[in-house]
Amino acid sequence: MDANLCRQHVERLLSEEIGLMVKLQTLLDREFMFINSNDVESLEEAGEFRQACTGDLVRVEDERRSLCRMAGKGADLAGLDQLMKWCDPKGTLQSRWTDCAAHATRCRELNDRNGLVVSARLQQVSGMLNLITGRNNAPATYGPAKGAYGAAPATGRMFRSEA
């Protein structure tokens, strides 16, 4: 394998990955807006776009791993580091790799933020449903069977007070 061709291939993959991550950041921001506005239809459509973008990122990662294997390197980050040192000894791609990692971190943060909002909404809806249906989601405790878990029985006393 020619080191110069390998370097060009790695550079193309990094550029493509950065572009996809920028796109994913935009999609995650849009999802956040749709979550907050309760726009379920737009959220569903945005989820499909996010899934397609994620699929493209997986394809780029698979191509990078394949390139590492073709060069006789490991398909992990250590192998990629070895590959980049071999095909780019001057380290000209290192800044692109750092940029790529920063975009990946930002995508993770945005995805986590969206997940927290969705989780909080689900808990809120669950609480409202419990209130409406009269169900009590008491914490699980040991039940009458040895070692079995069961819902804690609802306890309470009725009393009447007269003045």
C-alpha atoms as a PDB file:
ATOM      1  CA  MET A   1       0.000   0.000   0.000  1.00  0.00           C
ATOM      2  CA  ASP A   2       1.296   3.446  -0.944  1.00  0.00           C
ATOM      3  CA  ALA A   3       1.626   5.801   2.042  1.00  0.00           C
ATOM      4  CA  ASN A   4       0.616   8.873   0.021  1.00  0.00           C
ATOM      5  CA  LEU A   5      -2.566   7.208  -1.277  1.00  0.00           C
ATOM      6  CA  CYS A   6      -3.338   6.021   2.241  1.00  0.00           C
ATOM      7  CA  ARG A   7      -2.892   9.564   3.569  1.00  0.00           C
ATOM      8  CA  GLN A   8      -5.272  10.929   0.941  1.00  0.00           C
ATOM      9  CA  HIS A   9      -7.819   8.254   1.853  1.00  0.00           C
ATOM     10  CA  VAL A  10      -7.559   9.056   5.576  1.00  0.00           C
ATOM     11  CA  GLU A  11      -7.894  12.764   4.814  1.00  0.00           C
ATOM     12  CA  ARG A  12     -11.030  12.131   2.751  1.00  0.00           C
ATOM     13  CA  LEU A  13     -12.525   9.976   5.509  1.00  0.00           C
ATOM     14  CA  LEU A  14     -11.812  12.613   8.158  1.00  0.00           C
ATOM     15  CA  SER A  15     -13.384  15.329   6.016  1.00  0.00           C
ATOM     16  CA  GLU A  16     -16.444  13.201   5.373  1.00  0.00           C
ATOM     17  CA  GLU A  17     -16.777  12.300   9.050  1.00  0.00           C
ATOM     18  CA  ILE A  18     -16.471  15.914  10.190  1.00  0.00           C
ATOM     19  CA  GLY A  19     -19.108  16.946   7.665  1.00  0.00           C
ATOM     20  CA  LEU A  20     -21.454  14.220   8.880  1.00  0.00           C
ATOM     21  CA  MET A  21     -20.936  15.209  12.513  1.00  0.00           C
ATOM     22  CA  VAL A  22     -21.697  18.846  11.758  1.00  0.00           C
ATOM     23  CA  LYS A  23     -24.883  17.638  10.070  1.00  0.00           C
ATOM     24  CA  LEU A  24     -25.680  15.431  13.082  1.00  0.00           C
ATOM     25  CA  GLN A  25     -25.216  18.377  15.451  1.00  0.00           C
ATOM     26  CA  THR A  26     -27.749  20.355  13.431  1.00  0.00           C
ATOM     27  CA  LEU A  27     -30.164  17.414  13.470  1.00  0.00           C
ATOM     28  CA  LEU A  28     -29.801  16.988  17.234  1.00  0.00           C
ATOM     29  CA  ASP A  29     -30.464  20.701  17.782  1.00  0.00           C
ATOM     30  CA  ARG A  30     -33.593  20.430  15.627  1.00  0.00           C
ATOM     31  CA  GLU A  31     -34.721  17.376  17.585  1.00  0.00           C
ATOM     32  CA  PHE A  32     -34.309  19.337  20.811  1.00  0.00           C
ATOM     33  CA  MET A  33     -36.508  22.097  19.417  1.00  0.00           C
ATOM     34  CA  PHE A  34     -39.156  19.542  18.360  1.00  0.00           C
ATOM     35  CA  ILE A  35     -39.042  17.817  21.760  1.00  0.00           C
ATOM     36  CA  ASN A  36     -39.595  21.113  23.557  1.00  0.00           C
ATOM     37  CA  SER A  37     -42.430  22.149  21.260  1.00  0.00           C
ATOM     38  CA  ASN A  38     -44.110  18.711  21.457  1.00  0.00           C
ATOM     39  CA  ASP A  39     -44.012  18.444  17.652  1.00  0.00           C
ATOM     40  CA  VAL A  40     -44.231  14.654  17.421  1.00  0.00           C
ATOM     41  CA  GLU A  41     -44.512  14.449  13.626  1.00  0.00           C
ATOM     42  CA  SER A  42     -41.439  16.610  13.030  1.00  0.00           C
ATOM     43  CA  LEU A  43     -39.580  14.746  15.766  1.00  0.00           C
ATOM     44  CA  GLU A  44     -40.332  11.448  14.060  1.00  0.00           C
ATOM     45  CA  GLU A  45     -39.077  12.778  10.724  1.00  0.00           C
ATOM     46  CA  ALA A  46     -35.969  14.247  12.354  1.00  0.00           C
ATOM     47  CA  GLY A  47     -35.308  10.863  13.962  1.00  0.00           C
ATOM     48  CA  GLU A  48     -35.282   9.246  10.530  1.00  0.00           C
ATOM     49  CA  PHE A  49     -32.742  11.811   9.267  1.00  0.00           C
ATOM     50  CA  ARG A  50     -30.617  11.287  12.394  1.00  0.00           C
ATOM     51  CA  GLN A  51     -30.713   7.526  11.863  1.00  0.00           C
ATOM     52  CA  ALA A  52     -29.568   7.927   8.245  1.00  0.00           C
ATOM     53  CA  CYS A  53     -26.734  10.247   9.311  1.00  0.00           C
ATOM     54  CA  THR A  54     -25.672   7.793  12.018  1.00  0.00           C
ATOM     55  CA  GLY A  55     -25.642   5.028   9.417  1.00  0.00           C
ATOM     56  CA  ASP A  56     -23.339   7.130   7.238  1.00  0.00           C
ATOM     57  CA  LEU A  57     -21.013   7.661  10.209  1.00  0.00           C
ATOM     58  CA  VAL A  58     -20.901   3.909  10.825  1.00  0.00           C
ATOM     59  CA  ARG A  59     -20.037   3.373   7.159  1.00  0.00           C
ATOM     60  CA  VAL A  60     -17.127   5.845   7.406  1.00  0.00           C
ATOM     61  CA  GLU A  61     -15.899   4.119  10.572  1.00  0.00           C
ATOM     62  CA  ASP A  62     -16.087   0.722   8.853  1.00  0.00           C
ATOM     63  CA  GLU A  63     -14.122   2.090   5.905  1.00  0.00           C
ATOM     64  CA  ARG A  64     -11.459   3.478   8.238  1.00  0.00           C
ATOM     65  CA  ARG A  65     -11.159   0.125  10.050  1.00  0.00           C
ATOM     66  CA  SER A  66     -10.881  -1.653   6.732  1.00  0.00           C
ATOM     67  CA  LEU A  67      -8.096   0.714   5.670  1.00  0.00           C
ATOM     68  CA  CYS A  68      -6.242  -0.024   8.921  1.00  0.00           C
ATOM     69  CA  ARG A  69      -6.547  -3.776   8.353  1.00  0.00           C
ATOM     70  CA  MET A  70      -5.361  -3.452   4.729  1.00  0.00           C
ATOM     71  CA  ALA A  71      -2.257  -1.661   6.000  1.00  0.00           C
ATOM     72  CA  GLY A  72      -1.628  -4.424   8.532  1.00  0.00           C
ATOM     73  CA  LYS A  73      -2.627  -2.301  11.526  1.00  0.00           C
ATOM     74  CA  GLY A  74      -5.210  -2.943  14.203  1.00  0.00           C
ATOM     75  CA  ALA A  75      -8.774  -1.813  13.560  1.00  0.00           C
ATOM     76  CA  ASP A  76      -8.889   0.114  16.849  1.00  0.00           C
ATOM     77  CA  LEU A  77      -7.736   3.613  17.810  1.00  0.00           C
ATOM     78  CA  ALA A  78      -4.178   2.406  18.425  1.00  0.00           C
ATOM     79  CA  GLY A  79      -4.112   0.928  14.911  1.00  0.00           C
ATOM     80  CA  LEU A  80      -5.432   4.168  13.448  1.00  0.00           C
ATOM     81  CA  ASP A  81      -2.738   6.080  15.328  1.00  0.00           C
ATOM     82  CA  GLN A  82      -0.079   3.755  13.858  1.00  0.00           C
ATOM     83  CA  LEU A  83      -1.578   4.134  10.389  1.00  0.00           C
ATOM     84  CA  MET A  84      -1.579   7.931  10.628  1.00  0.00           C
ATOM     85  CA  LYS A  85       2.044   7.972  11.834  1.00  0.00           C
ATOM     86  CA  TRP A  86       3.016   5.780   8.877  1.00  0.00           C
ATOM     87  CA  CYS A  87       1.113   7.572   6.122  1.00  0.00           C
ATOM     88  CA  ASP A  88       1.397  11.091   7.573  1.00  0.00           C
ATOM     89  CA  PRO A  89       4.770  11.276   9.372  1.00  0.00           C
ATOM     90  CA  LYS A  90       4.674  15.103   9.433  1.00  0.00           C
ATOM     91  CA  GLY A  91       1.388  14.984  11.387  1.00  0.00           C
ATOM     92  CA  THR A  92      -0.522  17.251   9.027  1.00  0.00           C
ATOM     93  CA  LEU A  93      -3.755  15.297   9.633  1.00  0.00           C
ATOM     94  CA  GLN A  94      -3.533  15.488  13.428  1.00  0.00           C
ATOM     95  CA  SER A  95      -5.474  18.758  13.600  1.00  0.00           C
ATOM     96  CA  ARG A  96      -8.256  17.212  11.480  1.00  0.00           C
ATOM     97  CA  TRP A  97      -8.347  14.205  13.814  1.00  0.00           C
ATOM     98  CA  THR A  98      -8.548  16.526  16.852  1.00  0.00           C
ATOM     99  CA  ASP A  99     -11.349  18.483  15.150  1.00  0.00           C
ATOM    100  CA  CYS A 100     -13.155  15.228  14.427  1.00  0.00           C
ATOM    101  CA  ALA A 101     -12.894  14.162  18.082  1.00  0.00           C
ATOM    102  CA  ALA A 102     -14.225  17.550  19.239  1.00  0.00           C
ATOM    103  CA  HIS A 103     -17.255  17.207  16.942  1.00  0.00           C
ATOM    104  CA  ALA A 104     -17.868  13.681  18.237  1.00  0.00           C
ATOM    105  CA  THR A 105     -17.814  14.966  21.811  1.00  0.00           C
ATOM    106  CA  ARG A 106     -20.272  17.727  20.937  1.00  0.00           C
ATOM    107  CA  CYS A 107     -22.618  15.229  19.258  1.00  0.00           C
ATOM    108  CA  ARG A 108     -22.503  13.060  22.396  1.00  0.00           C
ATOM    109  CA  GLU A 109     -23.343  16.074  24.591  1.00  0.00           C
ATOM    110  CA  LEU A 110     -26.292  17.068  22.396  1.00  0.00           C
ATOM    111  CA  ASN A 111     -27.578  13.488  22.262  1.00  0.00           C
ATOM    112  CA  ASP A 112     -27.300  13.161  26.054  1.00  0.00           C
ATOM    113  CA  ARG A 113     -29.136  16.469  26.508  1.00  0.00           C
ATOM    114  CA  ASN A 114     -31.977  15.294  24.267  1.00  0.00           C
ATOM    115  CA  GLY A 115     -32.129  11.981  26.111  1.00  0.00           C
ATOM    116  CA  LEU A 116     -32.390  13.721  29.480  1.00  0.00           C
ATOM    117  CA  VAL A 117     -35.251  15.910  28.278  1.00  0.00           C
ATOM    118  CA  VAL A 118     -37.113  12.907  26.843  1.00  0.00           C
ATOM    119  CA  SER A 119     -36.560  10.940  30.060  1.00  0.00           C
ATOM    120  CA  ALA A 120     -37.848  13.812  32.185  1.00  0.00           C
ATOM    121  CA  ARG A 121     -40.908  14.113  29.951  1.00  0.00           C
ATOM    122  CA  LEU A 122     -41.623  10.396  30.243  1.00  0.00           C
ATOM    123  CA  GLN A 123     -41.414  10.582  34.031  1.00  0.00           C
ATOM    124  CA  GLN A 124     -43.729  13.560  34.024  1.00  0.00           C
ATOM    125  CA  VAL A 125     -46.267  11.756  31.837  1.00  0.00           C
ATOM    126  CA  SER A 126     -45.971   8.633  33.983  1.00  0.00           C
ATOM    127  CA  GLY A 127     -46.624  10.696  37.104  1.00  0.00           C
ATOM    128  CA  MET A 128     -49.689  12.314  35.552  1.00  0.00           C
ATOM    129  CA  LEU A 129     -51.037   8.941  34.442  1.00  0.00           C
ATOM    130  CA  ASN A 130     -50.544   7.563  37.946  1.00  0.00           C
ATOM    131  CA  LEU A 131     -52.387  10.536  39.358  1.00  0.00           C
ATOM    132  CA  ILE A 132     -55.272  10.138  36.907  1.00  0.00           C
ATOM    133  CA  THR A 133     -55.577   6.366  37.329  1.00  0.00           C
ATOM    134  CA  GLY A 134     -55.044   6.412  41.081  1.00  0.00           C
ATOM    135  CA  ARG A 135     -52.096   4.047  40.867  1.00  0.00           C
ATOM    136  CA  ASN A 136     -49.365   4.375  43.379  1.00  0.00           C
ATOM    137  CA  ASN A 137     -45.883   3.532  42.195  1.00  0.00           C
ATOM    138  CA  ALA A 138     -44.570   2.735  45.646  1.00  0.00           C
ATOM    139  CA  PRO A 139     -41.048   1.405  45.775  1.00  0.00           C
ATOM    140  CA  ALA A 140     -40.700  -2.349  45.652  1.00  0.00           C
ATOM    141  CA  THR A 141     -40.238  -4.134  48.954  1.00  0.00           C
ATOM    142  CA  TYR A 142     -40.043  -7.734  49.998  1.00  0.00           C
ATOM    143  CA  GLY A 143     -43.336  -9.502  49.573  1.00  0.00           C
ATOM    144  CA  PRO A 144     -44.895 -12.281  51.641  1.00  0.00           C
ATOM    145  CA  ALA A 145     -43.026 -15.008  49.704  1.00  0.00           C
ATOM    146  CA  LYS A 146     -39.474 -15.591  50.896  1.00  0.00           C
ATOM    147  CA  GLY A 147     -37.147 -13.283  48.958  1.00  0.00           C
ATOM    148  CA  ALA A 148     -39.863 -12.131  46.569  1.00  0.00           C
ATOM    149  CA  TYR A 149     -40.373  -8.560  45.652  1.00  0.00           C
ATOM    150  CA  GLY A 150     -43.791  -7.042  45.537  1.00  0.00           C
ATOM    151  CA  ALA A 151     -45.368  -3.655  45.722  1.00  0.00           C
ATOM    152  CA  ALA A 152     -45.634  -2.238  49.192  1.00  0.00           C
ATOM    153  CA  PRO A 153     -49.211  -2.315  50.322  1.00  0.00           C
ATOM    154  CA  ALA A 154     -50.894   1.032  50.455  1.00  0.00           C
ATOM    155  CA  THR A 155     -51.378   2.029  54.050  1.00  0.00           C
ATOM    156  CA  GLY A 156     -53.420   4.749  55.500  1.00  0.00           C
ATOM    157  CA  ARG A 157     -56.058   5.405  58.047  1.00  0.00           C
ATOM    158  CA  MET A 158     -59.274   7.207  57.700  1.00  0.00           C
ATOM    159  CA  PHE A 159     -60.271   9.387  60.540  1.00  0.00           C
ATOM    160  CA  ARG A 160     -62.970  11.841  61.168  1.00  0.00           C
ATOM    161  CA  SER A 161     -62.631  14.961  63.131  1.00  0.00           C
ATOM    162  CA  GLU A 162     -65.463  17.037  64.477  1.00  0.00           C
ATOM    163  CA  ALA A 163     -65.229  20.382  66.081  1.00  0.00           C
END
